[in-house]
């Protein structure tokens, strides 16, 4: 397909309308749905410092914003009136909260059987812990994924493993699967995206390897940073190199380039004891400390040894490979990440604009068939709020 044809083609999710009540990691997931063409309408509270923080973090990018005060008498009636116009509803409230408002899955199904109801939570909507509070660290701990990260102690990898990988991505997958099934049945269903479930799924391959007798306690395994050929090393300038030279050919290339091949024998690298691994790691660490990260990168430029820089966030967009891949793009409010995966038939379009809170309240309600008199009445009653 020619580039101009690809640009003119509809995006994969065009025609899909999403009503998004969510907070936490779910707004990131719905932002990606918008990047692939979905019309995402963020239903926001009149006053919410946390939601406003997510908005300023760019999670409102490419969406439309409508402000509805769910505490007002007519709000639930309004939601149930507009839901039939939507393909997907997303919520991330505490279990039972939407039901108490009269907006749970059964209420939505009653007025709109085709609408997909997607829920995001820490521990799900059933089970002994479903009413317990928790955050990213608690969910990945319960799912077993946290036990795999770190050396001496399990260390949370920011929010990437829980909020995004264990929660946001399964939410997207579930919504897409439900859309595909609806093409056959004409009916929506409930998507239950739970971080603890997602973390257990991500830990699943390690569990399978464990059953085969591969893998020991944290800090003793091939891929957890305990081995000298799969870890990070500090450079003279305080920056870091990532080394993934697992295979002997790559490890030999690494040692040869570091001029350490005469003092370290790669033939036994998989049989080294913990003591020997630490000794070799120390030898490599001392050598890497002799030069800056960029000096080492120039030395390794034409060497295939699985060596890459550990880029800081502000460096990602400047790396030549990331520039080529558009891994970071320039939005109106500054650099932001691109999306993945890429589709050959249509370039992704990440929304440039982050709507002002309530900017689209009147516009959206008009599209949903409400008359001007009803809209003006709801504005007076403060059921909806509009951008000044």
Protein backbone atom coordinates (compact mmCIF):
# COMPACT_ATOMS: atom_id res chain seq x y z
CA UNK A 1 0.00 0.00 0.00
CA UNK A 2 1.32 3.44 -0.95
CA UNK A 3 1.93 5.90 1.86
CA UNK A 4 -0.77 8.31 0.67
CA UNK A 5 -3.28 5.44 0.49
CA UNK A 6 -2.34 4.33 4.02
CA UNK A 7 -2.84 7.83 5.39
CA UNK A 8 -6.26 8.10 3.73
CA UNK A 9 -7.42 4.69 4.98
CA UNK A 10 -9.68 4.62 8.06
CA UNK A 11 -7.97 3.72 11.30
CA UNK A 12 -8.80 0.28 12.71
CA UNK A 13 -11.11 1.48 15.49
CA UNK A 14 -12.87 4.29 13.64
CA UNK A 15 -16.60 4.02 14.29
CA UNK A 16 -16.05 2.64 17.81
CA UNK A 17 -17.29 5.01 20.51
CA UNK A 18 -15.98 4.66 24.08
CA UNK A 19 -17.52 6.23 27.19
CA UNK A 20 -14.62 6.39 29.63
CA UNK A 21 -15.31 6.86 33.36
CA UNK A 22 -11.89 5.56 34.34
CA UNK A 23 -8.96 6.71 36.43
CA UNK A 24 -5.68 4.96 37.37
CA UNK A 25 -4.06 3.19 34.39
CA UNK A 26 -7.24 2.80 32.37
CA UNK A 27 -7.10 6.34 30.85
CA UNK A 28 -3.72 5.38 29.36
CA UNK A 29 -5.36 2.34 27.77
CA UNK A 30 -8.25 4.39 26.37
CA UNK A 31 -5.74 6.94 25.03
CA UNK A 32 -4.22 4.12 22.96
CA UNK A 33 -7.68 3.15 21.72
CA UNK A 34 -8.08 6.76 20.58
CA UNK A 35 -4.72 6.59 18.79
CA UNK A 36 -6.09 3.70 16.73
CA UNK A 37 -9.21 5.63 15.80
CA UNK A 38 -11.79 5.15 18.58
CA UNK A 39 -13.90 8.15 19.60
CA UNK A 40 -13.11 8.22 23.32
CA UNK A 41 -15.32 10.44 25.45
CA UNK A 42 -13.85 10.99 28.91
CA UNK A 43 -16.57 11.42 31.55
CA UNK A 44 -14.92 13.57 34.18
CA UNK A 45 -15.92 14.73 37.64
CA UNK A 46 -16.33 18.49 38.23
CA UNK A 47 -13.51 18.47 40.75
CA UNK A 48 -10.89 15.73 40.91
CA UNK A 49 -7.25 16.54 41.60
CA UNK A 50 -6.17 13.00 40.66
CA UNK A 51 -7.99 13.03 37.32
CA UNK A 52 -6.58 16.46 36.57
CA UNK A 53 -3.07 15.10 37.22
CA UNK A 54 -3.69 12.28 34.72
CA UNK A 55 -4.99 14.87 32.27
CA UNK A 56 -1.83 16.97 32.60
CA UNK A 57 0.20 13.77 32.13
CA UNK A 58 -1.28 13.50 28.66
CA UNK A 59 -3.75 10.68 29.26
CA UNK A 60 -6.53 12.84 27.83
CA UNK A 61 -4.72 13.10 24.51
CA UNK A 62 -6.94 12.52 21.49
CA UNK A 63 -10.13 12.24 23.58
CA UNK A 64 -13.18 14.43 24.06
CA UNK A 65 -14.17 15.65 27.52
CA UNK A 66 -17.60 15.84 29.07
CA UNK A 67 -18.10 16.77 32.74
CA UNK A 68 -21.00 15.04 34.50
CA UNK A 69 -21.56 15.27 38.25
CA UNK A 70 -22.70 11.75 39.15
CA UNK A 71 -23.88 13.01 42.53
CA UNK A 72 -26.69 15.07 41.02
CA UNK A 73 -30.21 13.57 40.75
CA UNK A 74 -30.43 13.47 36.95
CA UNK A 75 -26.92 12.22 36.18
CA UNK A 76 -27.68 8.49 36.13
CA UNK A 77 -30.73 9.03 33.94
CA UNK A 78 -28.55 11.02 31.54
CA UNK A 79 -25.89 8.29 31.38
CA UNK A 80 -28.47 5.59 30.71
CA UNK A 81 -29.92 7.78 27.97
CA UNK A 82 -26.62 8.18 26.13
CA UNK A 83 -25.10 4.70 26.69
CA UNK A 84 -26.94 3.10 23.73
CA UNK A 85 -24.88 5.40 21.50
CA UNK A 86 -21.67 3.84 22.81
CA UNK A 87 -19.87 0.63 21.94
CA UNK A 88 -17.76 0.43 25.10
CA UNK A 89 -18.05 1.70 28.67
CA UNK A 90 -14.84 1.74 30.74
CA UNK A 91 -14.79 2.18 34.52
CA UNK A 92 -12.13 1.81 37.22
CA UNK A 93 -14.00 2.58 40.44
CA UNK A 94 -13.88 0.54 43.64
CA UNK A 95 -15.87 -2.70 43.23
CA UNK A 96 -19.57 -2.08 43.82
CA UNK A 97 -19.39 1.69 43.31
CA UNK A 98 -20.91 1.72 39.83
CA UNK A 99 -23.65 -0.68 40.99
CA UNK A 100 -24.49 1.62 43.89
CA UNK A 101 -24.88 4.48 41.42
CA UNK A 102 -27.19 2.41 39.25
CA UNK A 103 -24.60 2.16 36.47
CA UNK A 104 -23.31 -1.39 36.91
CA UNK A 105 -23.15 -3.97 34.09
CA UNK A 106 -26.75 -5.13 34.54
CA UNK A 107 -28.13 -1.60 34.34
CA UNK A 108 -26.10 -0.89 31.20
CA UNK A 109 -27.05 -4.23 29.61
CA UNK A 110 -30.74 -3.51 30.29
CA UNK A 111 -30.72 -0.31 28.21
CA UNK A 112 -28.00 -1.31 25.72
CA UNK A 113 -27.32 -5.05 25.21
CA UNK A 114 -24.68 -4.37 22.54
CA UNK A 115 -22.48 -2.21 24.80
CA UNK A 116 -19.26 -3.77 26.13
CA UNK A 117 -18.65 -3.07 29.82
CA UNK A 118 -14.92 -2.98 30.62
CA UNK A 119 -13.76 -2.89 34.23
CA UNK A 120 -10.27 -2.15 35.56
CA UNK A 121 -9.29 -2.97 39.15
CA UNK A 122 -6.53 -4.16 41.45
CA UNK A 123 -8.05 -7.44 42.64
CA UNK A 124 -11.21 -7.90 40.56
CA UNK A 125 -14.91 -7.84 41.47
CA UNK A 126 -14.99 -11.17 43.33
CA UNK A 127 -12.76 -13.06 45.73
CA UNK A 128 -11.63 -12.46 49.33
CA UNK A 129 -9.59 -9.33 48.48
CA UNK A 130 -11.87 -7.66 45.97
CA UNK A 131 -12.96 -4.94 48.42
CA UNK A 132 -9.46 -4.29 49.74
CA UNK A 133 -7.56 -1.14 48.82
CA UNK A 134 -4.31 -1.53 46.97
CA UNK A 135 -1.97 -0.16 44.38
CA UNK A 136 0.32 -1.36 41.63
CA UNK A 137 2.85 -2.86 44.04
CA UNK A 138 0.17 -4.90 45.86
CA UNK A 139 -1.30 -6.32 42.66
CA UNK A 140 2.01 -7.45 41.16
CA UNK A 141 3.03 -8.86 44.55
CA UNK A 142 -0.14 -10.95 44.73
CA UNK A 143 0.29 -12.09 41.12
CA UNK A 144 3.84 -13.27 41.73
CA UNK A 145 5.50 -10.91 39.25
CA UNK A 146 7.15 -8.75 41.92
CA UNK A 147 9.01 -11.77 43.31
CA UNK A 148 10.98 -11.95 40.06
CA UNK A 149 12.29 -8.37 40.13
CA UNK A 150 15.36 -7.28 42.07
CA UNK A 151 18.31 -9.08 43.60
CA UNK A 152 18.36 -9.12 47.40
CA UNK A 153 14.85 -7.73 47.82
CA UNK A 154 11.89 -7.51 45.43
CA UNK A 155 11.79 -4.00 44.00
CA UNK A 156 8.79 -2.43 42.21
CA UNK A 157 9.68 -1.45 38.60
CA UNK A 158 7.93 1.94 38.76
CA UNK A 159 4.36 1.41 37.51
CA UNK A 160 5.24 -0.28 34.23
CA UNK A 161 4.75 -3.89 35.33
CA UNK A 162 1.48 -3.36 37.21
CA UNK A 163 -0.57 -0.41 35.96
CA UNK A 164 0.45 -0.65 32.33
CA UNK A 165 1.57 -4.23 31.52
CA UNK A 166 -0.62 -6.14 34.02
CA UNK A 167 -3.64 -3.83 33.87
CA UNK A 168 -3.81 -1.49 30.90
CA UNK A 169 -2.75 -3.92 28.18
CA UNK A 170 -5.14 -6.73 29.27
CA UNK A 171 -7.91 -4.11 29.34
CA UNK A 172 -7.19 -3.22 25.71
CA UNK A 173 -6.95 -6.89 24.68
CA UNK A 174 -10.24 -7.69 26.43
CA UNK A 175 -12.06 -4.82 24.74
CA UNK A 176 -10.78 -5.83 21.30
CA UNK A 177 -11.76 -9.48 21.88
CA UNK A 178 -15.24 -8.42 22.98
CA UNK A 179 -15.61 -6.24 19.86
CA UNK A 180 -14.65 -9.21 17.66
CA UNK A 181 -17.11 -11.52 19.40
CA UNK A 182 -19.87 -8.92 19.14
CA UNK A 183 -19.48 -9.03 15.37
CA UNK A 184 -20.76 -12.62 15.56
CA UNK A 185 -23.33 -12.36 18.34
CA UNK A 186 -24.44 -8.72 18.32
CA UNK A 187 -24.15 -8.64 22.12
CA UNK A 188 -21.75 -6.99 24.50
CA UNK A 189 -20.19 -8.57 27.59
CA UNK A 190 -18.22 -7.67 30.72
CA UNK A 191 -14.44 -7.37 30.40
CA UNK A 192 -12.80 -7.89 33.80
CA UNK A 193 -9.22 -6.54 33.61
CA UNK A 194 -7.58 -7.10 36.98
CA UNK A 195 -3.96 -6.19 37.72
CA UNK A 196 -3.33 -9.16 40.01
CA UNK A 197 -4.62 -11.52 37.29
CA UNK A 198 -2.48 -9.77 34.70
CA UNK A 199 0.60 -10.00 36.92
CA UNK A 200 0.03 -13.73 37.41
CA UNK A 201 -0.25 -14.10 33.63
CA UNK A 202 3.05 -12.25 33.11
CA UNK A 203 4.69 -14.44 35.76
CA UNK A 204 3.29 -17.54 34.04
CA UNK A 205 6.31 -18.30 31.81
CA UNK A 206 8.59 -18.23 34.86
CA UNK A 207 6.19 -20.61 36.63
CA UNK A 208 6.31 -22.98 33.65
CA UNK A 209 10.12 -22.88 33.64
CA UNK A 210 10.10 -23.57 37.38
CA UNK A 211 8.12 -26.77 36.77
CA UNK A 212 10.89 -27.88 34.41
CA UNK A 213 13.49 -27.33 37.12
CA UNK A 214 14.84 -24.14 35.53
CA UNK A 215 15.20 -21.20 37.88
CA UNK A 216 16.00 -20.71 41.52
CA UNK A 217 15.47 -18.05 44.18
CA UNK A 218 15.43 -14.40 43.13
CA UNK A 219 18.94 -13.15 42.42
CA UNK A 220 20.29 -16.50 41.21
CA UNK A 221 18.75 -16.76 37.74
CA UNK A 222 19.85 -16.14 34.19
CA UNK A 223 17.76 -13.04 33.57
CA UNK A 224 17.46 -11.28 36.95
CA UNK A 225 20.74 -9.35 36.88
CA UNK A 226 22.77 -11.77 38.96
CA UNK A 227 24.89 -12.98 36.02
CA UNK A 228 27.74 -10.88 34.61
CA UNK A 229 26.55 -11.37 31.05
CA UNK A 230 22.99 -10.11 31.71
CA UNK A 231 23.05 -7.00 33.88
CA UNK A 232 23.84 -3.29 33.89
CA UNK A 233 27.21 -1.62 34.46
CA UNK A 234 28.02 1.87 35.71
CA UNK A 235 30.21 4.04 33.50
CA UNK A 236 32.67 6.79 34.43
CA UNK A 237 30.11 9.54 33.82
CA UNK A 238 27.47 8.02 36.10
CA UNK A 239 25.46 6.62 33.20
CA UNK A 240 24.80 2.94 32.56
CA UNK A 241 25.27 0.23 29.95
CA UNK A 242 22.90 -2.71 29.56
CA UNK A 243 24.61 -6.01 28.73
CA UNK A 244 22.56 -8.96 27.43
CA UNK A 245 25.40 -11.18 26.20
CA UNK A 246 23.79 -14.48 27.21
CA UNK A 247 25.07 -16.59 24.32
CA UNK A 248 28.79 -17.48 24.41
CA UNK A 249 29.42 -15.83 21.01
CA UNK A 250 28.08 -12.51 22.30
CA UNK A 251 29.83 -12.84 25.66
CA UNK A 252 33.12 -13.62 23.88
CA UNK A 253 32.62 -10.54 21.74
CA UNK A 254 31.94 -8.45 24.84
CA UNK A 255 35.05 -9.64 26.65
CA UNK A 256 37.22 -9.26 23.56
CA UNK A 257 36.08 -5.67 23.09
CA UNK A 258 36.68 -4.93 26.78
CA UNK A 259 40.12 -6.62 26.43
CA UNK A 260 39.20 -9.09 29.16
CA UNK A 261 39.10 -12.25 27.04
CA UNK A 262 42.42 -13.46 28.37
CA UNK A 263 41.30 -13.38 32.01
CA UNK A 264 37.76 -14.80 31.73
CA UNK A 265 36.85 -18.18 30.25
CA UNK A 266 33.41 -18.16 28.62
CA UNK A 267 33.31 -21.94 28.22
CA UNK A 268 31.98 -22.36 31.77
CA UNK A 269 29.73 -19.29 31.95
CA UNK A 270 26.52 -21.26 32.57
CA UNK A 271 28.13 -23.33 35.34
CA UNK A 272 29.63 -20.52 37.37
CA UNK A 273 28.87 -20.50 41.07
CA UNK A 274 27.40 -17.40 42.68
CA UNK A 275 30.86 -16.51 43.96
CA UNK A 276 32.44 -16.86 40.53
CA UNK A 277 29.66 -14.83 38.91
CA UNK A 278 30.26 -12.02 41.38
CA UNK A 279 34.02 -12.17 40.73
CA UNK A 280 33.56 -11.90 36.96
CA UNK A 281 30.95 -9.19 37.35
CA UNK A 282 33.43 -7.20 39.45
CA UNK A 283 36.15 -7.50 36.79
CA UNK A 284 33.81 -6.25 34.07
CA UNK A 285 32.42 -3.49 36.30
CA UNK A 286 35.91 -2.14 37.00
CA UNK A 287 36.73 -2.03 33.28
CA UNK A 288 33.47 -0.33 32.31
CA UNK A 289 34.09 2.32 34.98
CA UNK A 290 37.19 3.45 33.07
CA UNK A 291 35.22 5.22 30.32
CA UNK A 292 32.03 7.21 29.87
CA UNK A 293 28.89 5.63 28.44
CA UNK A 294 29.27 7.42 25.11
CA UNK A 295 32.89 6.36 24.82
CA UNK A 296 31.86 2.73 25.26
CA UNK A 297 29.03 3.13 22.77
CA UNK A 298 31.50 4.34 20.15
CA UNK A 299 33.75 1.38 20.89
CA UNK A 300 30.84 -1.08 20.62
CA UNK A 301 29.23 0.63 17.61
CA UNK A 302 30.33 -2.05 15.14
CA UNK A 303 30.46 -4.90 17.67
CA UNK A 304 27.59 -7.39 18.00
CA UNK A 305 27.69 -8.06 21.73
CA UNK A 306 24.15 -7.14 22.91
CA UNK A 307 25.28 -3.86 24.49
CA UNK A 308 22.94 -0.85 24.60
CA UNK A 309 22.74 2.39 26.57
CA UNK A 310 20.36 2.66 29.51
CA UNK A 311 18.61 5.79 28.29
CA UNK A 312 17.05 8.24 30.69
CA UNK A 313 13.51 9.38 29.83
CA UNK A 314 14.69 12.67 28.35
CA UNK A 315 17.19 10.81 26.14
CA UNK A 316 14.78 8.35 24.51
CA UNK A 317 13.65 10.64 21.69
CA UNK A 318 17.20 11.63 20.73
CA UNK A 319 18.50 8.13 20.03
CA UNK A 320 18.86 7.50 16.29
CA UNK A 321 16.98 4.19 16.37
CA UNK A 322 14.07 5.65 18.33
CA UNK A 323 14.01 8.60 15.94
CA UNK A 324 13.75 6.24 12.99
CA UNK A 325 10.99 4.21 14.68
CA UNK A 326 9.10 7.31 15.93
CA UNK A 327 9.24 5.77 19.41
CA UNK A 328 8.91 9.31 20.75
CA UNK A 329 7.03 11.97 18.83
CA UNK A 330 6.64 15.70 19.30
CA UNK A 331 3.19 16.77 20.46
CA UNK A 332 2.05 20.33 21.03
CA UNK A 333 2.75 20.00 24.76
CA UNK A 334 6.19 18.44 24.25
CA UNK A 335 7.65 14.99 23.55
CA UNK A 336 5.45 11.95 24.14
CA UNK A 337 5.72 8.25 23.40
CA UNK A 338 4.46 6.72 20.18
CA UNK A 339 2.23 3.67 20.21
CA UNK A 340 2.80 -0.01 19.52
CA UNK A 341 2.22 -2.17 17.60
CA UNK A 342 2.51 -0.50 14.20
CA UNK A 343 0.13 -1.46 11.40
CA UNK A 344 1.26 -1.43 7.78
CA UNK A 345 -2.12 -0.32 6.41
CA UNK A 346 -2.43 2.77 8.55
CA UNK A 347 0.07 4.92 10.47
CA UNK A 348 -0.98 5.54 14.07
CA UNK A 349 -2.24 9.01 14.87
CA UNK A 350 -1.61 10.04 18.46
CA UNK A 351 -3.89 12.88 19.41
CA UNK A 352 -2.11 16.22 19.60
CA UNK A 353 -4.79 17.93 21.64
CA UNK A 354 -5.66 17.39 25.31
CA UNK A 355 -9.20 18.77 25.61
CA UNK A 356 -10.02 21.32 28.24
CA UNK A 357 -12.14 19.80 30.97
CA UNK A 358 -15.76 19.89 29.84
CA UNK A 359 -14.80 21.28 26.44
CA UNK A 360 -17.04 18.83 24.56
CA UNK A 361 -19.99 18.53 26.98
CA UNK A 362 -22.55 20.31 24.80
CA UNK A 363 -21.17 18.96 21.52
CA UNK A 364 -21.36 15.34 22.69
CA UNK A 365 -24.86 15.62 24.12
CA UNK A 366 -26.09 17.17 20.89
CA UNK A 367 -24.61 14.24 18.98
CA UNK A 368 -26.47 11.88 21.32
CA UNK A 369 -29.77 13.52 20.42
CA UNK A 370 -30.45 15.76 23.43
CA UNK A 371 -32.30 18.95 22.63
CA UNK A 372 -31.01 22.42 23.51
CA UNK A 373 -33.68 22.90 26.18
CA UNK A 374 -32.65 19.74 28.05
CA UNK A 375 -28.97 20.60 27.78
CA UNK A 376 -29.51 24.10 29.14
CA UNK A 377 -31.59 22.68 31.99
CA UNK A 378 -28.83 20.25 32.97
CA UNK A 379 -26.29 23.05 32.89
CA UNK A 380 -28.46 25.10 35.28
CA UNK A 381 -28.88 22.07 37.56
CA UNK A 382 -25.11 21.50 37.38
CA UNK A 383 -25.63 17.95 36.19
CA UNK A 384 -23.19 18.78 33.40
CA UNK A 385 -20.46 21.39 33.32
CA UNK A 386 -19.12 23.16 30.25
CA UNK A 387 -15.83 24.77 29.46
CA UNK A 388 -16.12 28.54 30.04
